[in-house]
Amino acid sequence: MFKEFAAMASMLKQAQGMSGKMQEAREKIANLRCEGQAGAGMVTVEVSGQLKVVSCRIDPALLASGDREMLEELICAATNQALEKIREAQLKEMQAVTGGLNIPGLSDALAGMGM
């Protein structure tokens, strides 16, 4: 009976430690930044770990071309690339916290938390 209590106490202690690590990981993830580029770097979009667009830079030559449709496509492509990179960075950070454990649904959970 005492072994069960000791095991339960050990599990609770591990859970508390994991909770602290998860909070630290959330803070690191919130501070992440990733860039996506399109059109050979003519459009660059930066997103945060909170999946918010932080900046969008457009080469003046592209603006001068007046090709609105191409500009719209390049902005979308750069944004999608930046979002893909940030999701990969988030997953990598969470895997560092979980010790590389393959936790089913981790990617979906991050997306659900806006990460």
PDB file of N, CA and C in Angstrom:
ATOM      1  N   MET A   1       0.822  -1.190   0.000  1.00  0.00           N
ATOM      2  CA  MET A   1       0.000   0.000   0.000  1.00  0.00           C
ATOM      3  C   MET A   1       0.871   1.260   0.000  1.00  0.00           C
ATOM      4  N   PHE A   2       1.958   1.221   0.798  1.00  0.00           N
ATOM      5  CA  PHE A   2       2.838   2.382   0.864  1.00  0.00           C
ATOM      6  C   PHE A   2       3.574   2.590  -0.460  1.00  0.00           C
ATOM      7  N   LYS A   3       3.825   1.504  -1.176  1.00  0.00           N
ATOM      8  CA  LYS A   3       4.487   1.612  -2.472  1.00  0.00           C
ATOM      9  C   LYS A   3       3.606   2.395  -3.449  1.00  0.00           C
ATOM     10  N   GLU A   4       2.297   2.154  -3.373  1.00  0.00           N
ATOM     11  CA  GLU A   4       1.377   2.869  -4.256  1.00  0.00           C
ATOM     12  C   GLU A   4       1.377   4.363  -3.940  1.00  0.00           C
ATOM     13  N   PHE A   5       1.399   4.694  -2.652  1.00  0.00           N
ATOM     14  CA  PHE A   5       1.439   6.112  -2.258  1.00  0.00           C
ATOM     15  C   PHE A   5       2.740   6.769  -2.717  1.00  0.00           C
ATOM     16  N   ALA A   6       3.837   6.038  -2.563  1.00  0.00           N
ATOM     17  CA  ALA A   6       5.137   6.563  -2.984  1.00  0.00           C
ATOM     18  C   ALA A   6       5.155   6.774  -4.499  1.00  0.00           C
ATOM     19  N   ALA A   7       4.582   5.828  -5.224  1.00  0.00           N
ATOM     20  CA  ALA A   7       4.522   5.964  -6.683  1.00  0.00           C
ATOM     21  C   ALA A   7       3.643   7.151  -7.074  1.00  0.00           C
ATOM     22  N   MET A   8       2.527   7.312  -6.363  1.00  0.00           N
ATOM     23  CA  MET A   8       1.622   8.424  -6.646  1.00  0.00           C
ATOM     24  C   MET A   8       2.310   9.750  -6.349  1.00  0.00           C
ATOM     25  N   ALA A   9       3.023   9.846  -5.251  1.00  0.00           N
ATOM     26  CA  ALA A   9       3.741  11.070  -4.889  1.00  0.00           C
ATOM     27  C   ALA A   9       4.815  11.377  -5.927  1.00  0.00           C
ATOM     28  N   SER A  10       5.498  10.355  -6.389  1.00  0.00           N
ATOM     29  CA  SER A  10       6.526  10.536  -7.413  1.00  0.00           C
ATOM     30  C   SER A  10       5.913  11.055  -8.715  1.00  0.00           C
ATOM     31  N   MET A  11       4.764  10.496  -9.089  1.00  0.00           N
ATOM     32  CA  MET A  11       4.082  10.947 -10.299  1.00  0.00           C
ATOM     33  C   MET A  11       3.632  12.397 -10.170  1.00  0.00           C
ATOM     34  N   LEU A  12       3.120  12.769  -9.005  1.00  0.00           N
ATOM     35  CA  LEU A  12       2.695  14.149  -8.787  1.00  0.00           C
ATOM     36  C   LEU A  12       3.880  15.105  -8.867  1.00  0.00           C
ATOM     37  N   LYS A  13       4.992  14.700  -8.306  1.00  0.00           N
ATOM     38  CA  LYS A  13       6.197  15.525  -8.355  1.00  0.00           C
ATOM     39  C   LYS A  13       6.658  15.709  -9.806  1.00  0.00           C
ATOM     40  N   GLN A  14       6.634  14.643 -10.574  1.00  0.00           N
ATOM     41  CA  GLN A  14       7.019  14.720 -11.983  1.00  0.00           C
ATOM     42  C   GLN A  14       6.054  15.619 -12.753  1.00  0.00           C
ATOM     43  N   ALA A  15       4.775  15.520 -12.448  1.00  0.00           N
ATOM     44  CA  ALA A  15       3.780  16.356 -13.123  1.00  0.00           C
ATOM     45  C   ALA A  15       4.011  17.830 -12.820  1.00  0.00           C
ATOM     46  N   GLN A  16       4.359  18.144 -11.570  1.00  0.00           N
ATOM     47  CA  GLN A  16       4.639  19.531 -11.206  1.00  0.00           C
ATOM     48  C   GLN A  16       5.867  20.039 -11.958  1.00  0.00           C
ATOM     49  N   GLY A  17       6.879  19.211 -12.052  1.00  0.00           N
ATOM     50  CA  GLY A  17       8.084  19.589 -12.788  1.00  0.00           C
ATOM     51  C   GLY A  17       7.781  19.812 -14.255  1.00  0.00           C
ATOM     52  N   MET A  18       6.956  18.954 -14.826  1.00  0.00           N
ATOM     53  CA  MET A  18       6.571  19.078 -16.229  1.00  0.00           C
ATOM     54  C   MET A  18       5.748  20.340 -16.445  1.00  0.00           C
ATOM     55  N   SER A  19       4.905  20.674 -15.480  1.00  0.00           N
ATOM     56  CA  SER A  19       4.095  21.887 -15.582  1.00  0.00           C
ATOM     57  C   SER A  19       4.983  23.124 -15.667  1.00  0.00           C
ATOM     58  N   GLY A  20       6.013  23.168 -14.862  1.00  0.00           N
ATOM     59  CA  GLY A  20       6.952  24.290 -14.904  1.00  0.00           C
ATOM     60  C   GLY A  20       7.683  24.363 -16.229  1.00  0.00           C
ATOM     61  N   LYS A  21       8.081  23.193 -16.743  1.00  0.00           N
ATOM     62  CA  LYS A  21       8.760  23.147 -18.036  1.00  0.00           C
ATOM     63  C   LYS A  21       7.820  23.587 -19.160  1.00  0.00           C
ATOM     64  N   MET A  22       6.560  23.199 -19.065  1.00  0.00           N
ATOM     65  CA  MET A  22       5.588  23.588 -20.091  1.00  0.00           C
ATOM     66  C   MET A  22       5.394  25.102 -20.099  1.00  0.00           C
ATOM     67  N   GLN A  23       5.344  25.712 -18.926  1.00  0.00           N
ATOM     68  CA  GLN A  23       5.196  27.163 -18.849  1.00  0.00           C
ATOM     69  C   GLN A  23       6.409  27.846 -19.472  1.00  0.00           C
ATOM     70  N   GLU A  24       7.584  27.323 -19.177  1.00  0.00           N
ATOM     71  CA  GLU A  24       8.818  27.875 -19.747  1.00  0.00           C
ATOM     72  C   GLU A  24       8.801  27.741 -21.276  1.00  0.00           C
ATOM     73  N   ALA A  25       8.344  26.593 -21.751  1.00  0.00           N
ATOM     74  CA  ALA A  25       8.272  26.366 -23.197  1.00  0.00           C
ATOM     75  C   ALA A  25       7.277  27.324 -23.842  1.00  0.00           C
ATOM     76  N   ARG A  26       6.126  27.546 -23.193  1.00  0.00           N
ATOM     77  CA  ARG A  26       5.133  28.496 -23.739  1.00  0.00           C
ATOM     78  C   ARG A  26       5.737  29.884 -23.891  1.00  0.00           C
ATOM     79  N   GLU A  27       6.517  30.299 -22.888  1.00  0.00           N
ATOM     80  CA  GLU A  27       7.150  31.610 -22.945  1.00  0.00           C
ATOM     81  C   GLU A  27       8.173  31.671 -24.075  1.00  0.00           C
ATOM     82  N   LYS A  28       8.965  30.616 -24.228  1.00  0.00           N
ATOM     83  CA  LYS A  28       9.939  30.577 -25.319  1.00  0.00           C
ATOM     84  C   LYS A  28       9.231  30.608 -26.669  1.00  0.00           C
ATOM     85  N   ILE A  29       8.164  29.835 -26.779  1.00  0.00           N
ATOM     86  CA  ILE A  29       7.418  29.779 -28.034  1.00  0.00           C
ATOM     87  C   ILE A  29       6.828  31.149 -28.377  1.00  0.00           C
ATOM     88  N   ALA A  30       6.307  31.838 -27.388  1.00  0.00           N
ATOM     89  CA  ALA A  30       5.721  33.162 -27.637  1.00  0.00           C
ATOM     90  C   ALA A  30       6.768  34.131 -28.176  1.00  0.00           C
ATOM     91  N   ASN A  31       8.031  33.935 -27.808  1.00  0.00           N
ATOM     92  CA  ASN A  31       9.100  34.834 -28.246  1.00  0.00           C
ATOM     93  C   ASN A  31       9.770  34.408 -29.545  1.00  0.00           C
ATOM     94  N   LEU A  32       9.367  33.268 -30.102  1.00  0.00           N
ATOM     95  CA  LEU A  32       9.954  32.812 -31.358  1.00  0.00           C
ATOM     96  C   LEU A  32       9.592  33.755 -32.499  1.00  0.00           C
ATOM     97  N   ARG A  33      10.466  33.826 -33.490  1.00  0.00           N
ATOM     98  CA  ARG A  33      10.206  34.584 -34.709  1.00  0.00           C
ATOM     99  C   ARG A  33      10.723  33.755 -35.879  1.00  0.00           C
ATOM    100  N   CYS A  34       9.957  33.705 -36.965  1.00  0.00           N
ATOM    101  CA  CYS A  34      10.393  33.020 -38.182  1.00  0.00           C
ATOM    102  C   CYS A  34       9.993  33.858 -39.386  1.00  0.00           C
ATOM    103  N   GLU A  35      10.818  33.776 -40.423  1.00  0.00           N
ATOM    104  CA  GLU A  35      10.550  34.506 -41.659  1.00  0.00           C
ATOM    105  C   GLU A  35      10.249  33.552 -42.793  1.00  0.00           C
ATOM    106  N   GLY A  36       9.417  34.027 -43.690  1.00  0.00           N
ATOM    107  CA  GLY A  36       9.159  33.329 -44.935  1.00  0.00           C
ATOM    108  C   GLY A  36       9.435  34.296 -46.068  1.00  0.00           C
ATOM    109  N   GLN A  37       9.934  33.769 -47.175  1.00  0.00           N
ATOM    110  CA  GLN A  37      10.237  34.617 -48.323  1.00  0.00           C
ATOM    111  C   GLN A  37       9.613  34.043 -49.574  1.00  0.00           C
ATOM    112  N   ALA A  38       9.341  34.929 -50.510  1.00  0.00           N
ATOM    113  CA  ALA A  38       8.817  34.513 -51.808  1.00  0.00           C
ATOM    114  C   ALA A  38       9.359  35.474 -52.860  1.00  0.00           C
ATOM    115  N   GLY A  39       9.347  35.017 -54.097  1.00  0.00           N
ATOM    116  CA  GLY A  39       9.817  35.858 -55.190  1.00  0.00           C
ATOM    117  C   GLY A  39      11.287  36.190 -55.062  1.00  0.00           C
ATOM    118  N   ALA A  40      12.092  35.187 -54.741  1.00  0.00           N
ATOM    119  CA  ALA A  40      13.540  35.366 -54.580  1.00  0.00           C
ATOM    120  C   ALA A  40      13.853  36.456 -53.568  1.00  0.00           C
ATOM    121  N   GLY A  41      13.070  36.503 -52.499  1.00  0.00           N
ATOM    122  CA  GLY A  41      13.313  37.468 -51.427  1.00  0.00           C
ATOM    123  C   GLY A  41      12.681  38.830 -51.642  1.00  0.00           C
ATOM    124  N   MET A  42      11.876  38.958 -52.683  1.00  0.00           N
ATOM    125  CA  MET A  42      11.227  40.253 -52.939  1.00  0.00           C
ATOM    126  C   MET A  42      10.146  40.552 -51.904  1.00  0.00           C
ATOM    127  N   VAL A  43       9.594  39.497 -51.302  1.00  0.00           N
ATOM    128  CA  VAL A  43       8.606  39.643 -50.226  1.00  0.00           C
ATOM    129  C   VAL A  43       9.095  38.807 -49.047  1.00  0.00           C
ATOM    130  N   THR A  44       9.158  39.429 -47.885  1.00  0.00           N
ATOM    131  CA  THR A  44       9.558  38.733 -46.660  1.00  0.00           C
ATOM    132  C   THR A  44       8.512  39.017 -45.592  1.00  0.00           C
ATOM    133  N   VAL A  45       8.015  37.947 -44.975  1.00  0.00           N
ATOM    134  CA  VAL A  45       7.015  38.065 -43.911  1.00  0.00           C
ATOM    135  C   VAL A  45       7.596  37.418 -42.657  1.00  0.00           C
ATOM    136  N   GLU A  46       7.449  38.105 -41.534  1.00  0.00           N
ATOM    137  CA  GLU A  46       7.909  37.578 -40.254  1.00  0.00           C
ATOM    138  C   GLU A  46       6.694  37.337 -39.367  1.00  0.00           C
ATOM    139  N   VAL A  47       6.661  36.155 -38.734  1.00  0.00           N
ATOM    140  CA  VAL A  47       5.568  35.827 -37.815  1.00  0.00           C
ATOM    141  C   VAL A  47       6.143  35.495 -36.446  1.00  0.00           C
ATOM    142  N   SER A  48       5.309  35.687 -35.430  1.00  0.00           N
ATOM    143  CA  SER A  48       5.705  35.397 -34.052  1.00  0.00           C
ATOM    144  C   SER A  48       5.258  33.995 -33.660  1.00  0.00           C
ATOM    145  N   GLY A  49       5.722  33.565 -32.513  1.00  0.00           N
ATOM    146  CA  GLY A  49       5.316  32.273 -31.982  1.00  0.00           C
ATOM    147  C   GLY A  49       3.842  32.227 -31.604  1.00  0.00           C
ATOM    148  N   GLN A  50       3.203  33.391 -31.579  1.00  0.00           N
ATOM    149  CA  GLN A  50       1.769  33.465 -31.307  1.00  0.00           C
ATOM    150  C   GLN A  50       0.964  33.477 -32.599  1.00  0.00           C
ATOM    151  N   LEU A  51       1.644  33.137 -33.705  1.00  0.00           N
ATOM    152  CA  LEU A  51       1.046  33.064 -35.043  1.00  0.00           C
ATOM    153  C   LEU A  51       0.489  34.404 -35.504  1.00  0.00           C
ATOM    154  N   LYS A  52       1.176  35.466 -35.174  1.00  0.00           N
ATOM    155  CA  LYS A  52       0.789  36.801 -35.626  1.00  0.00           C
ATOM    156  C   LYS A  52       1.847  37.327 -36.572  1.00  0.00           C
ATOM    157  N   VAL A  53       1.397  37.991 -37.637  1.00  0.00           N
ATOM    158  CA  VAL A  53       2.329  38.604 -38.574  1.00  0.00           C
ATOM    159  C   VAL A  53       2.942  39.814 -37.888  1.00  0.00           C
ATOM    160  N   VAL A  54       4.276  39.820 -37.808  1.00  0.00           N
ATOM    161  CA  VAL A  54       5.002  40.886 -37.132  1.00  0.00           C
ATOM    162  C   VAL A  54       5.443  41.948 -38.135  1.00  0.00           C
ATOM    163  N   SER A  55       5.858  41.497 -39.325  1.00  0.00           N
ATOM    164  CA  SER A  55       6.282  42.457 -40.344  1.00  0.00           C
ATOM    165  C   SER A  55       6.129  41.856 -41.731  1.00  0.00           C
ATOM    166  N   CYS A  56       6.048  42.755 -42.698  1.00  0.00           N
ATOM    167  CA  CYS A  56       5.969  42.368 -44.104  1.00  0.00           C
ATOM    168  C   CYS A  56       6.794  43.389 -44.888  1.00  0.00           C
ATOM    169  N   ARG A  57       7.844  42.901 -45.548  1.00  0.00           N
ATOM    170  CA  ARG A  57       8.695  43.784 -46.337  1.00  0.00           C
ATOM    171  C   ARG A  57       8.554  43.431 -47.811  1.00  0.00           C
ATOM    172  N   ILE A  58       8.372  44.458 -48.622  1.00  0.00           N
ATOM    173  CA  ILE A  58       8.189  44.268 -50.060  1.00  0.00           C
ATOM    174  C   ILE A  58       9.247  45.095 -50.780  1.00  0.00           C
ATOM    175  N   ASP A  59       9.954  44.453 -51.684  1.00  0.00           N
ATOM    176  CA  ASP A  59      10.981  45.134 -52.464  1.00  0.00           C
ATOM    177  C   ASP A  59      10.334  46.267 -53.275  1.00  0.00           C
ATOM    178  N   PRO A  60      10.896  47.456 -53.237  1.00  0.00           N
ATOM    179  CA  PRO A  60      10.337  48.591 -53.976  1.00  0.00           C
ATOM    180  C   PRO A  60      10.179  48.325 -55.480  1.00  0.00           C
ATOM    181  N   ALA A  61      11.061  47.512 -56.046  1.00  0.00           N
ATOM    182  CA  ALA A  61      10.950  47.191 -57.475  1.00  0.00           C
ATOM    183  C   ALA A  61       9.675  46.409 -57.767  1.00  0.00           C
ATOM    184  N   LEU A  62       9.284  45.562 -56.845  1.00  0.00           N
ATOM    185  CA  LEU A  62       8.055  44.790 -57.016  1.00  0.00           C
ATOM    186  C   LEU A  62       6.845  45.712 -56.955  1.00  0.00           C
ATOM    187  N   LEU A  63       6.880  46.659 -56.039  1.00  0.00           N
ATOM    188  CA  LEU A  63       5.788  47.635 -55.958  1.00  0.00           C
ATOM    189  C   LEU A  63       5.698  48.469 -57.224  1.00  0.00           C
ATOM    190  N   ALA A  64       6.854  48.848 -57.746  1.00  0.00           N
ATOM    191  CA  ALA A  64       6.897  49.689 -58.945  1.00  0.00           C
ATOM    192  C   ALA A  64       6.381  48.958 -60.177  1.00  0.00           C
ATOM    193  N   SER A  65       6.453  47.627 -60.147  1.00  0.00           N
ATOM    194  CA  SER A  65       6.000  46.863 -61.318  1.00  0.00           C
ATOM    195  C   SER A  65       4.502  47.005 -61.538  1.00  0.00           C
ATOM    196  N   GLY A  66       3.771  47.275 -60.467  1.00  0.00           N
ATOM    197  CA  GLY A  66       2.321  47.458 -60.597  1.00  0.00           C
ATOM    198  C   GLY A  66       1.550  46.162 -60.787  1.00  0.00           C
ATOM    199  N   ASP A  67       2.206  45.037 -60.649  1.00  0.00           N
ATOM    200  CA  ASP A  67       1.539  43.739 -60.835  1.00  0.00           C
ATOM    201  C   ASP A  67       0.899  43.317 -59.516  1.00  0.00           C
ATOM    202  N   ARG A  68      -0.316  43.757 -59.305  1.00  0.00           N
ATOM    203  CA  ARG A  68      -1.039  43.520 -58.048  1.00  0.00           C
ATOM    204  C   ARG A  68      -1.244  42.034 -57.774  1.00  0.00           C
ATOM    205  N   GLU A  69      -1.626  41.301 -58.804  1.00  0.00           N
ATOM    206  CA  GLU A  69      -1.909  39.873 -58.627  1.00  0.00           C
ATOM    207  C   GLU A  69      -0.661  39.117 -58.173  1.00  0.00           C
ATOM    208  N   MET A  70       0.488  39.413 -58.780  1.00  0.00           N
ATOM    209  CA  MET A  70       1.736  38.748 -58.381  1.00  0.00           C
ATOM    210  C   MET A  70       2.082  39.121 -56.945  1.00  0.00           C
ATOM    211  N   LEU A  71       1.921  40.381 -56.591  1.00  0.00           N
ATOM    212  CA  LEU A  71       2.216  40.834 -55.230  1.00  0.00           C
ATOM    213  C   LEU A  71       1.353  40.087 -54.215  1.00  0.00           C
ATOM    214  N   GLU A  72       0.070  39.956 -54.499  1.00  0.00           N
ATOM    215  CA  GLU A  72      -0.840  39.247 -53.600  1.00  0.00           C
ATOM    216  C   GLU A  72      -0.401  37.786 -53.426  1.00  0.00           C
ATOM    217  N   GLU A  73      -0.033  37.137 -54.518  1.00  0.00           N
ATOM    218  CA  GLU A  73       0.392  35.736 -54.460  1.00  0.00           C
ATOM    219  C   GLU A  73       1.685  35.587 -53.662  1.00  0.00           C
ATOM    220  N   LEU A  74       2.618  36.507 -53.860  1.00  0.00           N
ATOM    221  CA  LEU A  74       3.891  36.433 -53.149  1.00  0.00           C
ATOM    222  C   LEU A  74       3.714  36.676 -51.656  1.00  0.00           C
ATOM    223  N   ILE A  75       2.830  37.587 -51.294  1.00  0.00           N
ATOM    224  CA  ILE A  75       2.563  37.829 -49.867  1.00  0.00           C
ATOM    225  C   ILE A  75       1.981  36.575 -49.225  1.00  0.00           C
ATOM    226  N   CYS A  76       1.028  35.951 -49.902  1.00  0.00           N
ATOM    227  CA  CYS A  76       0.430  34.716 -49.371  1.00  0.00           C
ATOM    228  C   CYS A  76       1.482  33.614 -49.245  1.00  0.00           C
ATOM    229  N   ALA A  77       2.310  33.459 -50.269  1.00  0.00           N
ATOM    230  CA  ALA A  77       3.330  32.400 -50.248  1.00  0.00           C
ATOM    231  C   ALA A  77       4.338  32.634 -49.122  1.00  0.00           C
ATOM    232  N   ALA A  78       4.790  33.868 -48.954  1.00  0.00           N
ATOM    233  CA  ALA A  78       5.762  34.172 -47.896  1.00  0.00           C
ATOM    234  C   ALA A  78       5.140  33.965 -46.515  1.00  0.00           C
ATOM    235  N   THR A  79       3.883  34.357 -46.373  1.00  0.00           N
ATOM    236  CA  THR A  79       3.192  34.182 -45.094  1.00  0.00           C
ATOM    237  C   THR A  79       3.029  32.705 -44.764  1.00  0.00           C
ATOM    238  N   ASN A  80       2.618  31.918 -45.733  1.00  0.00           N
ATOM    239  CA  ASN A  80       2.449  30.477 -45.501  1.00  0.00           C
ATOM    240  C   ASN A  80       3.774  29.818 -45.153  1.00  0.00           C
ATOM    241  N   GLN A  81       4.852  30.226 -45.804  1.00  0.00           N
ATOM    242  CA  GLN A  81       6.164  29.664 -45.489  1.00  0.00           C
ATOM    243  C   GLN A  81       6.580  30.020 -44.061  1.00  0.00           C
ATOM    244  N   ALA A  82       6.353  31.268 -43.666  1.00  0.00           N
ATOM    245  CA  ALA A  82       6.706  31.696 -42.304  1.00  0.00           C
ATOM    246  C   ALA A  82       5.890  30.924 -41.269  1.00  0.00           C
ATOM    247  N   LEU A  83       4.609  30.723 -41.539  1.00  0.00           N
ATOM    248  CA  LEU A  83       3.759  29.978 -40.609  1.00  0.00           C
ATOM    249  C   LEU A  83       4.203  28.525 -40.490  1.00  0.00           C
ATOM    250  N   GLU A  84       4.594  27.923 -41.584  1.00  0.00           N
ATOM    251  CA  GLU A  84       5.078  26.541 -41.548  1.00  0.00           C
ATOM    252  C   GLU A  84       6.358  26.455 -40.713  1.00  0.00           C
ATOM    253  N   LYS A  85       7.253  27.408 -40.910  1.00  0.00           N
ATOM    254  CA  LYS A  85       8.506  27.415 -40.145  1.00  0.00           C
ATOM    255  C   LYS A  85       8.240  27.603 -38.649  1.00  0.00           C
ATOM    256  N   ILE A  86       7.316  28.481 -38.297  1.00  0.00           N
ATOM    257  CA  ILE A  86       7.055  28.738 -36.872  1.00  0.00           C
ATOM    258  C   ILE A  86       6.413  27.516 -36.229  1.00  0.00           C
ATOM    259  N   ARG A  87       5.558  26.825 -36.960  1.00  0.00           N
ATOM    260  CA  ARG A  87       4.952  25.606 -36.410  1.00  0.00           C
ATOM    261  C   ARG A  87       6.016  24.539 -36.164  1.00  0.00           C
ATOM    262  N   GLU A  88       6.966  24.428 -37.078  1.00  0.00           N
ATOM    263  CA  GLU A  88       8.059  23.472 -36.889  1.00  0.00           C
ATOM    264  C   GLU A  88       8.905  23.857 -35.676  1.00  0.00           C
ATOM    265  N   ALA A  89       9.177  25.152 -35.524  1.00  0.00           N
ATOM    266  CA  ALA A  89       9.966  25.627 -34.378  1.00  0.00           C
ATOM    267  C   ALA A  89       9.223  25.379 -33.070  1.00  0.00           C
ATOM    268  N   GLN A  90       7.903  25.576 -33.080  1.00  0.00           N
ATOM    269  CA  GLN A  90       7.093  25.320 -31.883  1.00  0.00           C
ATOM    270  C   GLN A  90       7.154  23.846 -31.504  1.00  0.00           C
ATOM    271  N   LEU A  91       6.997  22.992 -32.487  1.00  0.00           N
ATOM    272  CA  LEU A  91       7.025  21.549 -32.233  1.00  0.00           C
ATOM    273  C   LEU A  91       8.382  21.126 -31.692  1.00  0.00           C
ATOM    274  N   LYS A  92       9.440  21.671 -32.263  1.00  0.00           N
ATOM    275  CA  LYS A  92      10.796  21.359 -31.801  1.00  0.00           C
ATOM    276  C   LYS A  92      10.974  21.790 -30.343  1.00  0.00           C
ATOM    277  N   GLU A  93      10.472  22.954 -29.990  1.00  0.00           N
ATOM    278  CA  GLU A  93      10.579  23.449 -28.617  1.00  0.00           C
ATOM    279  C   GLU A  93       9.805  22.543 -27.659  1.00  0.00           C
ATOM    280  N   MET A  94       8.610  22.143 -28.044  1.00  0.00           N
ATOM    281  CA  MET A  94       7.803  21.274 -27.186  1.00  0.00           C
ATOM    282  C   MET A  94       8.449  19.894 -27.053  1.00  0.00           C
ATOM    283  N   GLN A  95       9.063  19.409 -28.110  1.00  0.00           N
ATOM    284  CA  GLN A  95       9.726  18.110 -28.038  1.00  0.00           C
ATOM    285  C   GLN A  95      10.933  18.181 -27.108  1.00  0.00           C
ATOM    286  N   ALA A  96      11.581  19.330 -27.050  1.00  0.00           N
ATOM    287  CA  ALA A  96      12.700  19.500 -26.125  1.00  0.00           C
ATOM    288  C   ALA A  96      12.213  19.381 -24.684  1.00  0.00           C
ATOM    289  N   VAL A  97      11.032  19.910 -24.410  1.00  0.00           N
ATOM    290  CA  VAL A  97      10.458  19.851 -23.062  1.00  0.00           C
ATOM    291  C   VAL A  97      10.033  18.430 -22.717  1.00  0.00           C
ATOM    292  N   THR A  98       9.474  17.739 -23.687  1.00  0.00           N
ATOM    293  CA  THR A  98       8.958  16.391 -23.419  1.00  0.00           C
ATOM    294  C   THR A  98      10.035  15.332 -23.564  1.00  0.00           C
ATOM    295  N   GLY A  99      11.265  15.760 -23.760  1.00  0.00           N
ATOM    296  CA  GLY A  99      12.369  14.808 -23.861  1.00  0.00           C
ATOM    297  C   GLY A  99      12.334  13.992 -25.132  1.00  0.00           C
ATOM    298  N   GLY A 100      11.742  14.552 -26.182  1.00  0.00           N
ATOM    299  CA  GLY A 100      11.690  13.854 -27.453  1.00  0.00           C
ATOM    300  C   GLY A 100      10.641  12.761 -27.513  1.00  0.00           C
ATOM    301  N   LEU A 101       9.801  12.685 -26.483  1.00  0.00           N
ATOM    302  CA  LEU A 101       8.737  11.681 -26.514  1.00  0.00           C
ATOM    303  C   LEU A 101       7.794  11.978 -27.663  1.00  0.00           C
ATOM    304  N   ASN A 102       7.351  10.960 -28.329  1.00  0.00           N
ATOM    305  CA  ASN A 102       6.382  11.136 -29.399  1.00  0.00           C
ATOM    306  C   ASN A 102       4.994  11.120 -28.773  1.00  0.00           C
ATOM    307  N   ILE A 103       4.470  12.303 -28.510  1.00  0.00           N
ATOM    308  CA  ILE A 103       3.169  12.408 -27.869  1.00  0.00           C
ATOM    309  C   ILE A 103       2.106  12.558 -28.951  1.00  0.00           C
ATOM    310  N   PRO A 104       1.237  11.565 -29.102  1.00  0.00           N
ATOM    311  CA  PRO A 104       0.198  11.641 -30.125  1.00  0.00           C
ATOM    312  C   PRO A 104      -0.670  12.882 -29.922  1.00  0.00           C
ATOM    313  N   GLY A 105      -0.890  13.608 -31.011  1.00  0.00           N
ATOM    314  CA  GLY A 105      -1.751  14.781 -30.946  1.00  0.00           C
ATOM    315  C   GLY A 105      -1.057  16.058 -30.502  1.00  0.00           C
ATOM    316  N   LEU A 106       0.266  16.034 -30.280  1.00  0.00           N
ATOM    317  CA  LEU A 106       0.975  17.235 -29.823  1.00  0.00           C
ATOM    318  C   LEU A 106       0.844  18.368 -30.834  1.00  0.00           C
ATOM    319  N   SER A 107       1.009  18.075 -32.108  1.00  0.00           N
ATOM    320  CA  SER A 107       0.885  19.110 -33.143  1.00  0.00           C
ATOM    321  C   SER A 107      -0.515  19.717 -33.130  1.00  0.00           C
ATOM    322  N   ASP A 108      -1.516  18.866 -33.006  1.00  0.00           N
ATOM    323  CA  ASP A 108      -2.897  19.348 -32.974  1.00  0.00           C
ATOM    324  C   ASP A 108      -3.154  20.182 -31.731  1.00  0.00           C
ATOM    325  N   ALA A 109      -2.575  19.773 -30.603  1.00  0.00           N
ATOM    326  CA  ALA A 109      -2.750  20.516 -29.360  1.00  0.00           C
ATOM    327  C   ALA A 109      -2.116  21.902 -29.462  1.00  0.00           C
ATOM    328  N   LEU A 110      -0.935  21.990 -30.088  1.00  0.00           N
ATOM    329  CA  LEU A 110      -0.287  23.278 -30.275  1.00  0.00           C
ATOM    330  C   LEU A 110      -1.149  24.181 -31.150  1.00  0.00           C
ATOM    331  N   ALA A 111      -1.692  23.625 -32.205  1.00  0.00           N
ATOM    332  CA  ALA A 111      -2.545  24.421 -33.081  1.00  0.00           C
ATOM    333  C   ALA A 111      -3.784  24.906 -32.340  1.00  0.00           C
ATOM    334  N   GLY A 112      -4.336  24.048 -31.483  1.00  0.00           N
ATOM    335  CA  GLY A 112      -5.516  24.414 -30.710  1.00  0.00           C
ATOM    336  C   GLY A 112      -5.237  25.499 -29.682  1.00  0.00           C
ATOM    337  N   MET A 113      -3.973  25.585 -29.236  1.00  0.00           N
ATOM    338  CA  MET A 113      -3.592  26.614 -28.258  1.00  0.00           C
ATOM    339  C   MET A 113      -3.133  27.876 -28.960  1.00  0.00           C
ATOM    340  N   GLY A 114      -3.245  27.906 -30.294  1.00  0.00           N
ATOM    341  CA  GLY A 114      -2.783  29.072 -31.031  1.00  0.00           C
ATOM    342  C   GLY A 114      -1.279  29.120 -31.122  1.00  0.00           C
ATOM    343  N   MET A 115      -0.641  27.970 -31.075  1.00  0.00           N
ATOM    344  CA  MET A 115       0.825  27.921 -31.133  1.00  0.00           C
ATOM    345  C   MET A 115       1.279  27.211 -32.375  1.00  0.00           C
TER     346      MET A 115
END
